[in-house]
Amino acid sequence: MARSGWVAGARWLVLGAMLAAGLAEAREVAGVKMPDTLELQGRRLELAHMALKEKLFFNVYVWGLYMEEIPRVESEAIAANQLKRLHFRFMRKVRRDQLVEAMRHALSRNEALHSGPMQQSLDAMLLSLRDVGKGDNLVLTYVPESGLHVSGEASGGVLIPGKGFADALFTAWLHKNPVFER
């Protein structure tokens, strides 16, 4: 009987160590955790950056940038024809109209997004957006040979084909939120 108690205790110890190791593999900003790495389409992406977005005194969302290979400079991050993801986790409710306006404003500085086809792609992405609840996600994933996949609870889901729109979106985002040297 003592042996089975020891075995049960050892199992709990191993399980606890595995859970602790799993938690050590995540970063946390403002109480929001994101994994250091994730597997997507058989590829491993690394968390290159994670930050909090505040508006006035309110925490709005935490965002993370995942890439297959973390570049040294911004231009490499944008030009890289690799799997990459912007992941937004919302910390409060946001109405669809507020989200659309915020995204439109954040991306407005990139002149490339003002051309006809790019504007149509932007409109398609914005049209997919929904009201956001606390804990909801908006996930923007560029997949080579496919395009930009917009998903998560904050979107009805849309695929915007090609690399051009994804490059313009990542350019606008990384210029507004510098992560790498320019």
Protein backbone atom coordinates (compact mmCIF):
# COMPACT_ATOMS: atom_id res chain seq x y z
CA MET A 1 0.00 0.00 0.00
CA ALA A 2 2.86 2.39 0.81
CA ARG A 3 4.38 1.74 -2.60
CA SER A 4 1.15 2.67 -4.45
CA GLY A 5 0.98 5.90 -2.42
CA TRP A 6 4.55 6.71 -3.43
CA VAL A 7 3.77 5.96 -7.11
CA ALA A 8 0.67 8.19 -6.99
CA GLY A 9 2.72 10.96 -5.36
CA ALA A 10 5.44 10.59 -8.01
CA ARG A 11 2.83 10.86 -10.77
CA TRP A 12 1.51 14.11 -9.30
CA LEU A 13 5.06 15.42 -8.98
CA VAL A 14 5.78 14.62 -12.65
CA LEU A 15 2.47 16.17 -13.74
CA GLY A 16 3.21 19.29 -11.69
CA ALA A 17 6.69 19.58 -13.23
CA MET A 18 5.22 19.22 -16.73
CA LEU A 19 2.64 21.91 -16.04
CA ALA A 20 5.28 24.22 -14.59
CA ALA A 21 7.47 23.64 -17.64
CA GLY A 22 4.51 24.42 -19.89
CA LEU A 23 3.86 27.68 -18.07
CA ALA A 24 7.51 28.63 -18.36
CA GLU A 25 7.11 28.45 -22.14
CA ALA A 26 4.71 31.39 -22.26
CA ARG A 27 5.16 35.12 -21.98
CA GLU A 28 2.79 37.33 -20.07
CA VAL A 29 1.85 40.98 -20.55
CA ALA A 30 -0.85 42.60 -18.40
CA GLY A 31 -2.12 39.19 -17.31
CA VAL A 32 -2.43 37.85 -20.87
CA LYS A 33 -0.30 34.82 -21.71
CA MET A 34 0.85 33.83 -25.16
CA PRO A 35 3.04 30.81 -25.92
CA ASP A 36 6.69 31.40 -26.83
CA THR A 37 6.22 29.09 -29.82
CA LEU A 38 3.36 27.57 -31.72
CA GLU A 39 3.02 24.93 -34.40
CA LEU A 40 1.13 25.93 -37.52
CA GLN A 41 0.91 23.88 -40.70
CA GLY A 42 3.79 21.72 -39.50
CA ARG A 43 6.02 24.75 -38.94
CA ARG A 44 7.25 26.29 -35.73
CA LEU A 45 6.65 30.00 -35.16
CA GLU A 46 8.38 31.99 -32.43
CA LEU A 47 6.95 34.90 -30.50
CA ALA A 48 9.06 37.83 -31.73
CA HIS A 49 7.26 40.52 -29.74
CA MET A 50 4.35 41.03 -27.37
CA ALA A 51 2.88 44.34 -26.20
CA LEU A 52 -0.09 45.99 -24.53
CA LYS A 53 -2.30 48.52 -26.34
CA GLU A 54 -3.89 51.10 -24.07
CA LYS A 55 -6.40 53.81 -24.85
CA LEU A 56 -6.51 56.58 -22.25
CA PHE A 57 -6.45 54.59 -18.99
CA PHE A 58 -7.92 51.37 -20.38
CA ASN A 59 -6.15 48.19 -21.42
CA VAL A 60 -7.67 47.34 -24.81
CA TYR A 61 -5.69 44.35 -26.08
CA VAL A 62 -2.38 42.54 -25.99
CA TRP A 63 -0.84 41.71 -29.33
CA GLY A 64 1.86 39.30 -30.33
CA LEU A 65 3.92 38.88 -33.49
CA TYR A 66 4.90 35.33 -34.43
CA MET A 67 7.40 34.48 -37.17
CA GLU A 68 9.21 31.38 -38.41
CA GLU A 69 12.53 33.21 -38.31
CA ILE A 70 12.94 36.34 -36.21
CA PRO A 71 14.60 39.02 -38.37
CA ARG A 72 17.02 41.72 -37.30
CA VAL A 73 15.34 44.60 -39.13
CA GLU A 74 11.77 45.59 -39.96
CA SER A 75 12.22 45.33 -43.73
CA GLU A 76 13.21 41.65 -43.38
CA ALA A 77 10.13 40.96 -41.26
CA ILE A 78 7.88 42.47 -43.91
CA ALA A 79 9.59 41.02 -46.99
CA ALA A 80 10.00 37.51 -45.58
CA ASN A 81 7.89 35.04 -47.54
CA GLN A 82 7.30 32.92 -44.46
CA LEU A 83 4.45 32.03 -42.18
CA LYS A 84 3.81 34.96 -39.82
CA ARG A 85 1.01 35.98 -37.51
CA LEU A 86 -0.32 39.01 -35.67
CA HIS A 87 -2.43 37.82 -32.73
CA PHE A 88 -4.64 40.24 -30.78
CA ARG A 89 -6.30 39.19 -27.50
CA PHE A 90 -8.87 41.70 -26.30
CA MET A 91 -9.09 42.70 -22.66
CA ARG A 92 -12.45 44.45 -22.91
CA LYS A 93 -15.56 44.65 -25.03
CA VAL A 94 -15.19 46.60 -28.26
CA ARG A 95 -18.05 47.33 -30.63
CA ARG A 96 -17.56 46.40 -34.27
CA ASP A 97 -17.73 50.03 -35.41
CA GLN A 98 -15.01 50.99 -32.90
CA LEU A 99 -12.81 48.09 -34.05
CA VAL A 100 -13.28 48.97 -37.73
CA GLU A 101 -12.46 52.63 -37.10
CA ALA A 102 -9.38 51.77 -35.01
CA MET A 103 -8.07 49.36 -37.67
CA ARG A 104 -8.78 51.85 -40.45
CA HIS A 105 -6.92 54.57 -38.51
CA ALA A 106 -3.98 52.28 -37.66
CA LEU A 107 -3.56 51.26 -41.30
CA SER A 108 -4.31 54.67 -42.88
CA ARG A 109 -0.69 55.81 -42.89
CA ASN A 110 0.32 53.21 -45.46
CA GLU A 111 -0.25 54.75 -48.88
CA ALA A 112 -0.13 51.30 -50.51
CA LEU A 113 -3.48 50.51 -48.88
CA HIS A 114 -5.14 53.44 -50.69
CA SER A 115 -4.95 51.92 -54.21
CA GLY A 116 -8.05 50.29 -55.71
CA PRO A 117 -7.24 46.59 -55.25
CA MET A 118 -5.63 47.14 -51.83
CA GLN A 119 -8.63 49.19 -50.70
CA GLN A 120 -10.91 46.32 -51.76
CA SER A 121 -8.81 43.88 -49.72
CA LEU A 122 -8.88 46.23 -46.71
CA ASP A 123 -12.65 46.57 -47.05
CA ALA A 124 -13.00 42.76 -47.16
CA MET A 125 -10.96 42.43 -43.97
CA LEU A 126 -12.90 45.18 -42.20
CA LEU A 127 -16.23 43.74 -43.36
CA SER A 128 -15.32 40.44 -41.65
CA LEU A 129 -14.89 42.10 -38.24
CA ARG A 130 -17.42 41.58 -35.42
CA ASP A 131 -18.16 42.90 -31.96
CA VAL A 132 -15.45 41.79 -29.55
CA GLY A 133 -15.86 40.42 -26.05
CA LYS A 134 -13.29 40.24 -23.29
CA GLY A 135 -10.88 37.39 -24.07
CA ASP A 136 -11.76 37.27 -27.79
CA ASN A 137 -9.04 36.98 -30.41
CA LEU A 138 -8.33 38.50 -33.80
CA VAL A 139 -5.73 36.49 -35.71
CA LEU A 140 -4.06 37.72 -38.91
CA THR A 141 -1.94 34.94 -40.42
CA TYR A 142 0.05 35.25 -43.63
CA VAL A 143 0.48 31.88 -45.33
CA PRO A 144 2.88 31.75 -48.32
CA GLU A 145 1.22 30.66 -51.56
CA SER A 146 -2.19 31.45 -50.03
CA GLY A 147 -2.51 34.92 -48.52
CA LEU A 148 -3.74 36.59 -45.37
CA HIS A 149 -6.14 34.52 -43.27
CA VAL A 150 -8.27 36.63 -40.89
CA SER A 151 -9.81 34.57 -38.08
CA GLY A 152 -10.72 34.44 -34.40
CA GLU A 153 -13.88 35.43 -32.55
CA ALA A 154 -13.44 39.05 -33.70
CA SER A 155 -13.86 38.05 -37.37
CA GLY A 156 -16.27 36.06 -39.46
CA GLY A 157 -13.19 34.81 -41.27
CA VAL A 158 -11.84 35.83 -44.65
CA LEU A 159 -8.93 34.93 -46.92
CA ILE A 160 -7.28 37.76 -48.81
CA PRO A 161 -5.20 36.11 -51.56
CA GLY A 162 -1.58 36.97 -52.36
CA LYS A 163 1.29 38.59 -50.50
CA GLY A 164 0.70 42.24 -51.43
CA PHE A 165 -2.05 43.04 -48.95
CA ALA A 166 -0.30 41.09 -46.17
CA ASP A 167 2.92 43.05 -46.81
CA ALA A 168 1.02 46.36 -46.71
CA LEU A 169 -0.74 45.38 -43.48
CA PHE A 170 2.48 44.22 -41.77
CA THR A 171 4.25 47.39 -43.01
CA ALA A 172 1.57 49.64 -41.54
CA TRP A 173 1.48 47.69 -38.26
CA LEU A 174 5.25 47.51 -37.77
CA HIS A 175 5.72 51.19 -38.66
CA LYS A 176 3.10 52.15 -36.07
CA ASN A 177 4.47 49.64 -33.51
CA PRO A 178 8.22 49.36 -34.13
CA VAL A 179 9.67 46.05 -32.99
CA PHE A 180 12.82 45.73 -35.08
CA GLU A 181 15.46 48.19 -36.23
CA ARG A 182 14.57 50.03 -39.42
